[in-house]
Amino acid sequence: MAAQRILVILGHPAANSLCAGMAHAYADSAREAGAEVRFLDVGRLVFDPLFAGYGAAQALEPDLLAAQGDIAWASHLVWVYPIWWGAMPALLKGFIDRVFLPGYAFKYRQGSSLWDKLLAGRSAELLVTMDSPPWYFRWVTRMPGHHQMKKAILEFCGIRPVRVHSFGPVRSARKERLAEWVNRARQLGTRQAQRAVPRGGARPAGLAATSATSGAP
């Protein structure tokens, strides 16, 4: 059985955050369980997170080109980030804006409202922390950040299934509770490493786009 190829993406800007601890725990346990693992810390990448818009000439920085290569390599993407104001941090959103370009992550069909999902064949997992109780985020604010990441971004590009794990409230959590969440991330990493790789593996991603492409939204 082929080993899982797992890319762990830390979307919290702070290297000493709870998210960082969970991301490293997931990566370490998956590696120990036999998976091939790469780790991408968005907060350490050198790039302009301000997307100039589709059609603009905005060359990708070396770190973003490398990130595209890591995503193309992976069969499973793990995103670890906090919910701030209902959604992901601006830095992570800027990373996605710059990396998930037409021609790489998706491609609209000429003369059609349909599109090709260029990252199909990959699965994903979201480990999301929040200060709100997860029940409040689900039933009161209706999970805007989860829907954005799962449906409007990842599934739009063909990545599925997407499993979501919510952790909170962080603000009032005791040290013992925080340690439980880190251990839960460790368990999830082991479990994913032991999953069978889908037949055929991940499809090749689109060719790396060095600038935004016209004709996209």
N, C-alpha and C. Protein backbone atom coordinates (compact mmCIF):
# COMPACT_ATOMS: atom_id res chain seq x y z
N MET A 1 0.85 -1.20 0.00
CA MET A 1 0.00 0.00 0.00
C MET A 1 0.89 1.25 0.00
N ALA A 2 0.58 2.18 -0.88
CA ALA A 2 1.36 3.40 -0.97
C ALA A 2 1.16 4.26 0.27
N ALA A 3 2.21 4.97 0.65
CA ALA A 3 2.12 5.84 1.82
C ALA A 3 1.33 7.09 1.50
N GLN A 4 0.59 7.58 2.49
CA GLN A 4 -0.10 8.84 2.36
C GLN A 4 0.93 9.96 2.16
N ARG A 5 0.62 10.90 1.31
CA ARG A 5 1.44 12.09 1.14
C ARG A 5 0.65 13.26 1.72
N ILE A 6 1.06 13.70 2.90
CA ILE A 6 0.29 14.67 3.67
C ILE A 6 1.03 16.00 3.73
N LEU A 7 0.33 17.06 3.38
CA LEU A 7 0.86 18.41 3.52
C LEU A 7 0.10 19.10 4.64
N VAL A 8 0.80 19.47 5.70
CA VAL A 8 0.20 20.19 6.82
C VAL A 8 0.47 21.68 6.62
N ILE A 9 -0.60 22.47 6.59
CA ILE A 9 -0.49 23.91 6.34
C ILE A 9 -0.92 24.65 7.60
N LEU A 10 0.02 25.33 8.24
CA LEU A 10 -0.27 26.12 9.43
C LEU A 10 -0.67 27.53 9.00
N GLY A 11 -1.90 27.92 9.30
CA GLY A 11 -2.41 29.21 8.87
C GLY A 11 -2.47 30.26 9.95
N HIS A 12 -1.92 29.96 11.12
CA HIS A 12 -1.85 30.96 12.20
C HIS A 12 -0.53 31.70 12.09
N PRO A 13 -0.53 33.02 12.11
CA PRO A 13 0.73 33.77 11.95
C PRO A 13 1.74 33.56 13.07
N ALA A 14 1.29 33.18 14.26
CA ALA A 14 2.19 33.05 15.41
C ALA A 14 2.74 31.63 15.53
N ALA A 15 4.05 31.52 15.65
CA ALA A 15 4.70 30.22 15.72
C ALA A 15 4.49 29.52 17.06
N ASN A 16 4.08 30.28 18.09
CA ASN A 16 3.88 29.68 19.42
C ASN A 16 2.41 29.52 19.77
N SER A 17 1.55 29.49 18.78
CA SER A 17 0.11 29.41 19.01
C SER A 17 -0.34 27.98 19.27
N LEU A 18 -1.57 27.85 19.76
CA LEU A 18 -2.18 26.54 19.91
C LEU A 18 -2.24 25.84 18.55
N CYS A 19 -2.58 26.58 17.50
CA CYS A 19 -2.65 26.00 16.16
C CYS A 19 -1.30 25.41 15.76
N ALA A 20 -0.22 26.11 16.08
CA ALA A 20 1.11 25.61 15.74
C ALA A 20 1.39 24.29 16.46
N GLY A 21 1.04 24.23 17.72
CA GLY A 21 1.24 23.00 18.47
C GLY A 21 0.43 21.85 17.89
N MET A 22 -0.80 22.13 17.50
CA MET A 22 -1.64 21.09 16.91
C MET A 22 -1.12 20.65 15.55
N ALA A 23 -0.67 21.62 14.75
CA ALA A 23 -0.16 21.28 13.42
C ALA A 23 1.08 20.40 13.51
N HIS A 24 2.00 20.76 14.39
CA HIS A 24 3.21 19.95 14.54
C HIS A 24 2.89 18.58 15.12
N ALA A 25 1.94 18.50 16.04
CA ALA A 25 1.56 17.21 16.60
C ALA A 25 0.97 16.30 15.52
N TYR A 26 0.13 16.86 14.69
CA TYR A 26 -0.46 16.09 13.58
C TYR A 26 0.64 15.59 12.65
N ALA A 27 1.53 16.51 12.24
CA ALA A 27 2.58 16.15 11.30
C ALA A 27 3.51 15.08 11.87
N ASP A 28 3.92 15.26 13.13
CA ASP A 28 4.85 14.30 13.74
C ASP A 28 4.23 12.91 13.86
N SER A 29 2.97 12.84 14.28
CA SER A 29 2.33 11.54 14.47
C SER A 29 2.08 10.86 13.12
N ALA A 30 1.71 11.63 12.10
CA ALA A 30 1.49 11.04 10.78
C ALA A 30 2.80 10.47 10.23
N ARG A 31 3.87 11.21 10.43
CA ARG A 31 5.19 10.75 9.96
C ARG A 31 5.60 9.48 10.69
N GLU A 32 5.37 9.46 12.00
CA GLU A 32 5.73 8.28 12.79
C GLU A 32 4.90 7.06 12.38
N ALA A 33 3.70 7.29 11.87
CA ALA A 33 2.82 6.20 11.46
C ALA A 33 3.06 5.77 10.02
N GLY A 34 4.05 6.35 9.36
CA GLY A 34 4.44 5.87 8.05
C GLY A 34 4.10 6.77 6.87
N ALA A 35 3.47 7.91 7.10
CA ALA A 35 3.13 8.80 6.01
C ALA A 35 4.33 9.64 5.59
N GLU A 36 4.33 10.07 4.34
CA GLU A 36 5.27 11.09 3.88
C GLU A 36 4.64 12.44 4.22
N VAL A 37 5.36 13.29 4.92
CA VAL A 37 4.77 14.53 5.42
C VAL A 37 5.64 15.72 5.06
N ARG A 38 4.99 16.77 4.59
CA ARG A 38 5.63 18.07 4.42
C ARG A 38 4.87 19.09 5.25
N PHE A 39 5.57 20.12 5.70
CA PHE A 39 4.99 21.13 6.60
C PHE A 39 5.18 22.51 5.98
N LEU A 40 4.09 23.25 5.93
CA LEU A 40 4.12 24.58 5.33
C LEU A 40 3.58 25.58 6.35
N ASP A 41 4.43 26.49 6.80
CA ASP A 41 4.05 27.52 7.77
C ASP A 41 3.84 28.83 7.01
N VAL A 42 2.57 29.19 6.80
CA VAL A 42 2.25 30.37 6.00
C VAL A 42 2.87 31.63 6.61
N GLY A 43 2.95 31.69 7.94
CA GLY A 43 3.51 32.86 8.60
C GLY A 43 4.98 33.09 8.33
N ARG A 44 5.69 32.07 7.84
CA ARG A 44 7.12 32.19 7.57
C ARG A 44 7.42 32.39 6.08
N LEU A 45 6.40 32.36 5.25
CA LEU A 45 6.61 32.54 3.82
C LEU A 45 6.81 34.01 3.50
N VAL A 46 7.60 34.26 2.47
CA VAL A 46 7.83 35.63 2.01
C VAL A 46 6.99 35.85 0.75
N PHE A 47 5.91 36.61 0.88
CA PHE A 47 5.05 36.90 -0.26
C PHE A 47 4.14 38.07 0.08
N ASP A 48 3.58 38.66 -0.95
CA ASP A 48 2.63 39.76 -0.78
C ASP A 48 1.24 39.16 -0.67
N PRO A 49 0.57 39.25 0.49
CA PRO A 49 -0.75 38.64 0.63
C PRO A 49 -1.87 39.46 0.00
N LEU A 50 -1.55 40.64 -0.53
CA LEU A 50 -2.56 41.48 -1.15
C LEU A 50 -2.69 41.10 -2.62
N PHE A 51 -3.76 40.43 -2.94
CA PHE A 51 -4.00 39.95 -4.29
C PHE A 51 -4.42 41.11 -5.19
N ALA A 52 -3.75 41.27 -6.31
CA ALA A 52 -4.01 42.41 -7.20
C ALA A 52 -5.23 42.20 -8.08
N GLY A 53 -5.78 40.98 -8.09
CA GLY A 53 -6.97 40.71 -8.88
C GLY A 53 -6.65 39.90 -10.12
N TYR A 54 -7.66 39.14 -10.59
CA TYR A 54 -7.48 38.34 -11.78
C TYR A 54 -7.26 39.25 -12.99
N GLY A 55 -6.31 38.89 -13.80
CA GLY A 55 -5.97 39.69 -14.96
C GLY A 55 -4.78 40.60 -14.72
N ALA A 56 -4.41 40.80 -13.45
CA ALA A 56 -3.27 41.66 -13.15
C ALA A 56 -1.96 40.87 -13.30
N ALA A 57 -0.91 41.56 -13.63
CA ALA A 57 0.40 40.93 -13.73
C ALA A 57 1.02 40.91 -12.34
N GLN A 58 0.96 39.76 -11.69
CA GLN A 58 1.47 39.62 -10.32
C GLN A 58 2.21 38.30 -10.23
N ALA A 59 3.50 38.35 -10.47
CA ALA A 59 4.30 37.13 -10.49
C ALA A 59 4.33 36.48 -9.11
N LEU A 60 4.35 35.15 -9.08
CA LEU A 60 4.42 34.42 -7.83
C LEU A 60 5.84 34.46 -7.27
N GLU A 61 5.94 34.72 -5.98
CA GLU A 61 7.22 34.67 -5.29
C GLU A 61 7.70 33.21 -5.20
N PRO A 62 9.02 32.99 -5.01
CA PRO A 62 9.54 31.62 -4.91
C PRO A 62 8.83 30.78 -3.86
N ASP A 63 8.48 31.36 -2.71
CA ASP A 63 7.81 30.59 -1.67
C ASP A 63 6.43 30.11 -2.12
N LEU A 64 5.74 30.91 -2.91
CA LEU A 64 4.43 30.50 -3.40
C LEU A 64 4.54 29.45 -4.50
N LEU A 65 5.55 29.56 -5.34
CA LEU A 65 5.78 28.52 -6.33
C LEU A 65 6.09 27.19 -5.66
N ALA A 66 6.88 27.24 -4.57
CA ALA A 66 7.18 26.02 -3.83
C ALA A 66 5.92 25.47 -3.17
N ALA A 67 5.06 26.35 -2.67
CA ALA A 67 3.80 25.91 -2.06
C ALA A 67 2.91 25.23 -3.08
N GLN A 68 2.86 25.76 -4.30
CA GLN A 68 2.08 25.10 -5.34
C GLN A 68 2.62 23.69 -5.61
N GLY A 69 3.94 23.56 -5.60
CA GLY A 69 4.53 22.24 -5.79
C GLY A 69 4.17 21.28 -4.67
N ASP A 70 4.15 21.78 -3.43
CA ASP A 70 3.78 20.93 -2.29
C ASP A 70 2.33 20.48 -2.37
N ILE A 71 1.44 21.38 -2.77
CA ILE A 71 0.03 21.03 -2.90
C ILE A 71 -0.16 20.01 -4.01
N ALA A 72 0.55 20.20 -5.13
CA ALA A 72 0.46 19.24 -6.23
C ALA A 72 0.97 17.86 -5.81
N TRP A 73 1.98 17.84 -4.94
CA TRP A 73 2.56 16.58 -4.47
C TRP A 73 1.63 15.81 -3.55
N ALA A 74 0.86 16.51 -2.75
CA ALA A 74 0.10 15.91 -1.65
C ALA A 74 -1.12 15.14 -2.13
N SER A 75 -1.46 14.12 -1.37
CA SER A 75 -2.74 13.43 -1.56
C SER A 75 -3.75 13.87 -0.51
N HIS A 76 -3.27 14.50 0.56
CA HIS A 76 -4.15 14.96 1.64
C HIS A 76 -3.61 16.28 2.19
N LEU A 77 -4.47 17.28 2.29
CA LEU A 77 -4.10 18.60 2.79
C LEU A 77 -4.72 18.81 4.16
N VAL A 78 -3.91 19.23 5.11
CA VAL A 78 -4.38 19.50 6.47
C VAL A 78 -4.18 20.99 6.74
N TRP A 79 -5.26 21.69 6.98
CA TRP A 79 -5.23 23.13 7.23
C TRP A 79 -5.51 23.36 8.71
N VAL A 80 -4.60 24.04 9.39
CA VAL A 80 -4.76 24.31 10.82
C VAL A 80 -4.72 25.82 11.02
N TYR A 81 -5.82 26.38 11.50
CA TYR A 81 -5.92 27.84 11.60
C TYR A 81 -7.03 28.23 12.57
N PRO A 82 -7.03 29.49 13.02
CA PRO A 82 -8.08 29.95 13.93
C PRO A 82 -9.20 30.65 13.15
N ILE A 83 -10.33 30.77 13.80
CA ILE A 83 -11.42 31.59 13.29
C ILE A 83 -11.30 32.97 13.92
N TRP A 84 -11.14 33.98 13.08
CA TRP A 84 -11.11 35.38 13.52
C TRP A 84 -12.21 36.12 12.78
N TRP A 85 -13.15 36.70 13.51
CA TRP A 85 -14.26 37.41 12.88
C TRP A 85 -15.00 36.51 11.89
N GLY A 86 -15.22 35.27 12.31
CA GLY A 86 -16.06 34.37 11.53
C GLY A 86 -15.37 33.59 10.45
N ALA A 87 -14.09 33.88 10.17
CA ALA A 87 -13.41 33.19 9.07
C ALA A 87 -11.92 33.10 9.36
N MET A 88 -11.16 32.64 8.38
CA MET A 88 -9.73 32.44 8.53
C MET A 88 -9.00 33.78 8.66
N PRO A 89 -7.77 33.79 9.20
CA PRO A 89 -6.97 35.02 9.25
C PRO A 89 -6.69 35.57 7.85
N ALA A 90 -6.50 36.89 7.78
CA ALA A 90 -6.27 37.54 6.49
C ALA A 90 -5.04 36.99 5.79
N LEU A 91 -3.99 36.64 6.54
CA LEU A 91 -2.77 36.12 5.93
C LEU A 91 -3.04 34.82 5.18
N LEU A 92 -3.83 33.93 5.78
CA LEU A 92 -4.15 32.67 5.13
C LEU A 92 -5.02 32.89 3.91
N LYS A 93 -5.98 33.81 4.02
CA LYS A 93 -6.82 34.11 2.86
C LYS A 93 -5.98 34.69 1.73
N GLY A 94 -5.01 35.55 2.07
CA GLY A 94 -4.13 36.10 1.05
C GLY A 94 -3.30 35.02 0.38
N PHE A 95 -2.85 34.04 1.17
CA PHE A 95 -2.11 32.91 0.62
C PHE A 95 -2.96 32.15 -0.39
N ILE A 96 -4.20 31.86 -0.03
CA ILE A 96 -5.08 31.13 -0.94
C ILE A 96 -5.37 31.95 -2.19
N ASP A 97 -5.63 33.25 -2.02
CA ASP A 97 -5.87 34.12 -3.18
C ASP A 97 -4.72 34.07 -4.16
N ARG A 98 -3.49 34.05 -3.66
CA ARG A 98 -2.31 34.10 -4.52
C ARG A 98 -1.95 32.74 -5.12
N VAL A 99 -2.29 31.65 -4.42
CA VAL A 99 -1.84 30.32 -4.84
C VAL A 99 -2.89 29.58 -5.66
N PHE A 100 -4.15 29.67 -5.28
CA PHE A 100 -5.21 28.89 -5.95
C PHE A 100 -5.69 29.64 -7.19
N LEU A 101 -4.81 29.75 -8.16
CA LEU A 101 -5.07 30.53 -9.35
C LEU A 101 -5.73 29.70 -10.44
N PRO A 102 -6.46 30.37 -11.35
CA PRO A 102 -6.97 29.66 -12.53
C PRO A 102 -5.81 29.12 -13.36
N GLY A 103 -5.98 27.91 -13.86
CA GLY A 103 -4.89 27.25 -14.56
C GLY A 103 -4.08 26.36 -13.66
N TYR A 104 -4.21 26.57 -12.36
CA TYR A 104 -3.54 25.72 -11.37
C TYR A 104 -4.57 24.97 -10.52
N ALA A 105 -5.51 25.68 -9.91
CA ALA A 105 -6.49 25.06 -9.03
C ALA A 105 -7.82 24.79 -9.72
N PHE A 106 -8.15 25.59 -10.72
CA PHE A 106 -9.41 25.42 -11.47
C PHE A 106 -9.25 26.07 -12.82
N LYS A 107 -10.19 25.78 -13.71
CA LYS A 107 -10.16 26.39 -15.04
C LYS A 107 -11.56 26.43 -15.60
N TYR A 108 -12.05 27.62 -15.90
CA TYR A 108 -13.37 27.74 -16.51
C TYR A 108 -13.31 27.25 -17.95
N ARG A 109 -14.41 26.59 -18.38
CA ARG A 109 -14.49 26.09 -19.75
C ARG A 109 -15.00 27.20 -20.66
N GLN A 110 -14.39 27.29 -21.79
CA GLN A 110 -14.75 28.36 -22.73
C GLN A 110 -16.20 28.20 -23.19
N GLY A 111 -16.95 29.28 -23.09
CA GLY A 111 -18.34 29.27 -23.52
C GLY A 111 -19.26 28.49 -22.60
N SER A 112 -18.84 28.26 -21.37
CA SER A 112 -19.64 27.46 -20.43
C SER A 112 -19.54 28.06 -19.05
N SER A 113 -20.58 27.81 -18.25
CA SER A 113 -20.54 28.23 -16.85
C SER A 113 -19.89 27.18 -15.97
N LEU A 114 -19.50 26.06 -16.55
CA LEU A 114 -18.86 24.98 -15.81
C LEU A 114 -17.35 25.19 -15.76
N TRP A 115 -16.69 24.43 -14.93
CA TRP A 115 -15.24 24.58 -14.76
C TRP A 115 -14.60 23.23 -14.48
N ASP A 116 -13.31 23.14 -14.74
CA ASP A 116 -12.53 21.94 -14.43
C ASP A 116 -11.91 22.11 -13.05
N LYS A 117 -12.02 21.08 -12.25
CA LYS A 117 -11.51 21.09 -10.88
C LYS A 117 -10.12 20.46 -10.88
N LEU A 118 -9.11 21.29 -10.97
CA LEU A 118 -7.75 20.82 -11.25
C LEU A 118 -7.05 20.20 -10.05
N LEU A 119 -7.61 20.32 -8.86
CA LEU A 119 -7.01 19.70 -7.68
C LEU A 119 -7.78 18.47 -7.23
N ALA A 120 -8.59 17.93 -8.10
CA ALA A 120 -9.37 16.72 -7.79
C ALA A 120 -8.43 15.56 -7.48
N GLY A 121 -8.93 14.62 -6.69
CA GLY A 121 -8.15 13.45 -6.30
C GLY A 121 -7.47 13.60 -4.96
N ARG A 122 -7.60 14.79 -4.37
CA ARG A 122 -7.03 15.04 -3.04
C ARG A 122 -8.16 15.15 -2.02
N SER A 123 -7.85 14.82 -0.79
CA SER A 123 -8.77 15.03 0.32
C SER A 123 -8.20 16.11 1.22
N ALA A 124 -9.00 16.55 2.18
CA ALA A 124 -8.52 17.62 3.07
C ALA A 124 -9.14 17.46 4.45
N GLU A 125 -8.52 18.11 5.39
CA GLU A 125 -8.95 18.09 6.78
C GLU A 125 -8.70 19.47 7.37
N LEU A 126 -9.68 19.99 8.09
CA LEU A 126 -9.55 21.31 8.71
C LEU A 126 -9.54 21.14 10.22
N LEU A 127 -8.50 21.65 10.88
CA LEU A 127 -8.43 21.72 12.34
C LEU A 127 -8.54 23.19 12.69
N VAL A 128 -9.69 23.58 13.20
CA VAL A 128 -10.02 25.00 13.33
C VAL A 128 -10.29 25.34 14.79
N THR A 129 -9.54 26.31 15.32
CA THR A 129 -9.75 26.76 16.69
C THR A 129 -10.60 28.02 16.69
N MET A 130 -11.26 28.27 17.80
CA MET A 130 -12.12 29.45 17.90
C MET A 130 -12.35 29.82 19.36
N ASP A 131 -12.62 31.08 19.61
CA ASP A 131 -12.96 31.52 20.95
C ASP A 131 -14.43 31.29 21.27
N SER A 132 -15.27 31.21 20.26
CA SER A 132 -16.68 30.90 20.47
C SER A 132 -16.84 29.41 20.74
N PRO A 133 -17.85 29.02 21.49
CA PRO A 133 -18.16 27.60 21.59
C PRO A 133 -18.54 27.07 20.20
N PRO A 134 -18.06 25.90 19.81
CA PRO A 134 -18.40 25.38 18.48
C PRO A 134 -19.90 25.32 18.21
N TRP A 135 -20.72 25.07 19.24
CA TRP A 135 -22.17 25.03 19.00
C TRP A 135 -22.69 26.41 18.60
N TYR A 136 -22.11 27.46 19.18
CA TYR A 136 -22.53 28.82 18.84
C TYR A 136 -22.13 29.14 17.40
N PHE A 137 -20.91 28.76 17.04
CA PHE A 137 -20.43 29.01 15.68
C PHE A 137 -21.30 28.28 14.67
N ARG A 138 -21.77 27.10 15.03
CA ARG A 138 -22.58 26.31 14.10
C ARG A 138 -24.01 26.82 13.99
N TRP A 139 -24.66 27.03 15.13
CA TRP A 139 -26.10 27.27 15.11
C TRP A 139 -26.49 28.75 15.10
N VAL A 140 -25.61 29.62 15.59
CA VAL A 140 -25.94 31.05 15.65
C VAL A 140 -25.33 31.80 14.47
N THR A 141 -24.01 31.69 14.29
CA THR A 141 -23.39 32.40 13.17
C THR A 141 -23.38 31.58 11.88
N ARG A 142 -23.80 30.30 11.96
CA ARG A 142 -23.98 29.44 10.79
C ARG A 142 -22.69 29.07 10.07
N MET A 143 -21.59 29.04 10.78
CA MET A 143 -20.31 28.52 10.29
C MET A 143 -19.82 29.17 8.99
N PRO A 144 -19.77 30.49 8.89
CA PRO A 144 -19.35 31.10 7.63
C PRO A 144 -17.94 30.69 7.21
N GLY A 145 -17.02 30.61 8.18
CA GLY A 145 -15.65 30.24 7.84
C GLY A 145 -15.53 28.82 7.34
N HIS A 146 -16.28 27.90 7.95
CA HIS A 146 -16.24 26.50 7.52
C HIS A 146 -16.79 26.37 6.10
N HIS A 147 -17.91 27.03 5.82
CA HIS A 147 -18.49 26.96 4.48
C HIS A 147 -17.56 27.56 3.44
N GLN A 148 -16.92 28.67 3.80
CA GLN A 148 -16.00 29.32 2.87
C GLN A 148 -14.88 28.36 2.47
N MET A 149 -14.22 27.78 3.46
CA MET A 149 -13.07 26.93 3.18
C MET A 149 -13.47 25.61 2.53
N LYS A 150 -14.49 24.96 3.09
CA LYS A 150 -14.88 23.63 2.61
C LYS A 150 -15.53 23.68 1.23
N LYS A 151 -16.56 24.52 1.09
CA LYS A 151 -17.37 24.50 -0.12
C LYS A 151 -16.87 25.48 -1.19
N ALA A 152 -16.63 26.74 -0.79
CA ALA A 152 -16.32 27.77 -1.78
C ALA A 152 -14.89 27.72 -2.28
N ILE A 153 -13.99 27.05 -1.51
CA ILE A 153 -12.59 27.00 -1.93
C ILE A 153 -12.17 25.57 -2.29
N LEU A 154 -12.13 24.69 -1.31
CA LEU A 154 -11.55 23.36 -1.54
C LEU A 154 -12.41 22.51 -2.48
N GLU A 155 -13.70 22.38 -2.18
CA GLU A 155 -14.54 21.56 -3.04
C GLU A 155 -14.70 22.19 -4.43
N PHE A 156 -14.68 23.51 -4.50
CA PHE A 156 -14.74 24.19 -5.80
C PHE A 156 -13.59 23.74 -6.69
N CYS A 157 -12.43 23.47 -6.08
CA CYS A 157 -11.25 23.05 -6.83
C CYS A 157 -11.13 21.54 -6.95
N GLY A 158 -12.13 20.79 -6.45
CA GLY A 158 -12.16 19.35 -6.60
C GLY A 158 -11.64 18.57 -5.42
N ILE A 159 -11.26 19.24 -4.34
CA ILE A 159 -10.72 18.56 -3.17
C ILE A 159 -11.87 18.06 -2.30
N ARG A 160 -11.95 16.75 -2.16
CA ARG A 160 -12.99 16.15 -1.33
C ARG A 160 -12.66 14.68 -1.08
N PRO A 161 -13.11 14.13 0.04
CA PRO A 161 -13.92 14.79 1.06
C PRO A 161 -13.10 15.77 1.89
N VAL A 162 -13.80 16.69 2.53
CA VAL A 162 -13.19 17.65 3.44
C VAL A 162 -13.79 17.44 4.82
N ARG A 163 -12.98 16.97 5.76
CA ARG A 163 -13.45 16.75 7.12
C ARG A 163 -13.10 17.97 7.98
N VAL A 164 -14.03 18.38 8.83
CA VAL A 164 -13.85 19.59 9.63
C VAL A 164 -13.89 19.23 11.12
N HIS A 165 -12.88 19.71 11.86
CA HIS A 165 -12.82 19.51 13.31
C HIS A 165 -12.73 20.88 13.97
N SER A 166 -13.68 21.18 14.84
CA SER A 166 -13.72 22.47 15.53
C SER A 166 -13.25 22.32 16.97
N PHE A 167 -12.43 23.27 17.43
CA PHE A 167 -11.90 23.24 18.79
C PHE A 167 -12.16 24.58 19.47
N GLY A 168 -12.88 24.56 20.57
CA GLY A 168 -13.17 25.80 21.27
C GLY A 168 -14.13 25.57 22.42
N PRO A 169 -14.35 26.60 23.24
CA PRO A 169 -13.73 27.92 23.13
C PRO A 169 -12.30 27.93 23.70
N VAL A 170 -11.38 28.52 22.96
CA VAL A 170 -9.98 28.56 23.37
C VAL A 170 -9.77 29.56 24.51
N ARG A 171 -10.46 30.67 24.45
CA ARG A 171 -10.21 31.78 25.38
C ARG A 171 -10.35 31.35 26.84
N SER A 172 -11.29 30.49 27.14
CA SER A 172 -11.53 30.09 28.52
C SER A 172 -11.01 28.69 28.83
N ALA A 173 -10.29 28.07 27.90
CA ALA A 173 -9.85 26.69 28.08
C ALA A 173 -8.69 26.60 29.06
N ARG A 174 -8.73 25.61 29.93
CA ARG A 174 -7.62 25.35 30.85
C ARG A 174 -6.50 24.62 30.12
N LYS A 175 -5.32 24.58 30.76
CA LYS A 175 -4.17 23.93 30.14
C LYS A 175 -4.45 22.47 29.81
N GLU A 176 -5.20 21.81 30.69
CA GLU A 176 -5.51 20.41 30.45
C GLU A 176 -6.35 20.23 29.18
N ARG A 177 -7.27 21.16 28.97
CA ARG A 177 -8.12 21.10 27.78
C ARG A 177 -7.31 21.37 26.53
N LEU A 178 -6.40 22.34 26.59
CA LEU A 178 -5.54 22.63 25.44
C LEU A 178 -4.68 21.42 25.09
N ALA A 179 -4.18 20.75 26.13
CA ALA A 179 -3.36 19.55 25.90
C ALA A 179 -4.19 18.44 25.26
N GLU A 180 -5.47 18.35 25.63
CA GLU A 180 -6.35 17.36 25.01
C GLU A 180 -6.51 17.62 23.52
N TRP A 181 -6.60 18.89 23.15
CA TRP A 181 -6.77 19.22 21.74
C TRP A 181 -5.51 18.91 20.95
N VAL A 182 -4.35 19.18 21.53
CA VAL A 182 -3.10 18.82 20.85
C VAL A 182 -3.01 17.31 20.68
N ASN A 183 -3.41 16.58 21.70
CA ASN A 183 -3.40 15.12 21.61
C ASN A 183 -4.41 14.63 20.58
N ARG A 184 -5.55 15.31 20.47
CA ARG A 184 -6.54 14.95 19.46
C ARG A 184 -5.95 15.13 18.06
N ALA A 185 -5.21 16.21 17.86
CA ALA A 185 -4.54 16.42 16.57
C ALA A 185 -3.55 15.30 16.29
N ARG A 186 -2.86 14.87 17.32
CA ARG A 186 -1.91 13.78 17.16
C ARG A 186 -2.64 12.49 16.74
N GLN A 187 -3.78 12.22 17.34
CA GLN A 187 -4.56 11.04 16.98
C GLN A 187 -5.06 11.11 15.54
N LEU A 188 -5.48 12.30 15.13
CA LEU A 188 -5.96 12.47 13.76
C LEU A 188 -4.84 12.24 12.75
N GLY A 189 -3.63 12.65 13.08
CA GLY A 189 -2.50 12.42 12.19
C GLY A 189 -2.20 10.95 12.03
N THR A 190 -2.23 10.22 13.12
CA THR A 190 -2.00 8.78 13.06
C THR A 190 -3.08 8.10 12.23
N ARG A 191 -4.32 8.48 12.46
CA ARG A 191 -5.44 7.88 11.73
C ARG A 191 -5.33 8.12 10.23
N GLN A 192 -4.97 9.36 9.85
CA GLN A 192 -4.87 9.66 8.42
C GLN A 192 -3.74 8.88 7.77
N ALA A 193 -2.63 8.73 8.47
CA ALA A 193 -1.49 8.00 7.91
C ALA A 193 -1.85 6.55 7.64
N GLN A 194 -2.80 6.02 8.38
CA GLN A 194 -3.19 4.62 8.23
C GLN A 194 -4.30 4.40 7.21
N ARG A 195 -4.84 5.49 6.65
CA ARG A 195 -5.89 5.37 5.64
C ARG A 195 -5.29 4.90 4.32
N ALA A 196 -6.07 4.16 3.56
CA ALA A 196 -5.63 3.72 2.24
C ALA A 196 -5.62 4.91 1.29
N VAL A 197 -4.60 4.98 0.45
CA VAL A 197 -4.53 6.03 -0.56
C VAL A 197 -5.53 5.70 -1.66
N PRO A 198 -6.35 6.67 -2.11
CA PRO A 198 -7.32 6.41 -3.18
C PRO A 198 -6.64 5.82 -4.40
N ARG A 199 -7.34 4.91 -5.08
CA ARG A 199 -6.78 4.28 -6.26
C ARG A 199 -6.43 5.33 -7.30
N GLY A 200 -5.23 5.27 -7.81
CA GLY A 200 -4.78 6.25 -8.80
C GLY A 200 -4.10 7.46 -8.18
N GLY A 201 -4.31 7.67 -6.86
CA GLY A 201 -3.67 8.80 -6.18
C GLY A 201 -4.21 10.13 -6.65
N ALA A 202 -3.57 11.18 -6.20
CA ALA A 202 -3.98 12.53 -6.56
C ALA A 202 -3.66 12.81 -8.02
N ARG A 203 -4.57 13.51 -8.67
CA ARG A 203 -4.31 13.92 -10.05
C ARG A 203 -3.29 15.05 -10.05
N PRO A 204 -2.50 15.14 -11.12
CA PRO A 204 -1.57 16.26 -11.21
C PRO A 204 -2.32 17.59 -11.18
N ALA A 205 -1.79 18.56 -10.45
CA ALA A 205 -2.41 19.87 -10.44
C ALA A 205 -2.09 20.58 -11.74
N GLY A 206 -2.79 21.69 -11.98
CA GLY A 206 -2.54 22.46 -13.18
C GLY A 206 -1.12 23.02 -13.17
N LEU A 207 -0.64 23.42 -14.32
CA LEU A 207 0.69 24.01 -14.39
C LEU A 207 0.75 25.24 -13.51
N ALA A 208 1.87 25.43 -12.84
CA ALA A 208 2.02 26.58 -11.96
C ALA A 208 1.81 27.87 -12.74
N ALA A 209 0.96 28.72 -12.20
CA ALA A 209 0.67 30.00 -12.85
C ALA A 209 1.51 31.08 -12.19
N THR A 210 2.33 31.75 -12.95
CA THR A 210 3.21 32.77 -12.37
C THR A 210 2.54 34.11 -12.24
N SER A 211 1.33 34.25 -12.76
CA SER A 211 0.58 35.49 -12.59
C SER A 211 -0.90 35.17 -12.67
N ALA A 212 -1.73 36.08 -12.20
CA ALA A 212 -3.15 35.88 -12.29
C ALA A 212 -3.56 35.84 -13.75
N THR A 213 -4.58 35.03 -14.05
CA THR A 213 -5.00 34.81 -15.41
C THR A 213 -6.32 35.50 -15.69
N SER A 214 -6.42 36.14 -16.81
CA SER A 214 -7.65 36.83 -17.16
C SER A 214 -8.74 35.83 -17.46
N GLY A 215 -9.98 36.27 -17.36
CA GLY A 215 -11.12 35.44 -17.65
C GLY A 215 -11.66 34.74 -16.43
N ALA A 216 -11.02 34.89 -15.27
CA ALA A 216 -11.49 34.29 -14.04
C ALA A 216 -12.31 35.34 -13.28
N PRO A 217 -13.04 34.93 -12.23
CA PRO A 217 -13.89 35.87 -11.52
C PRO A 217 -13.10 36.97 -10.83
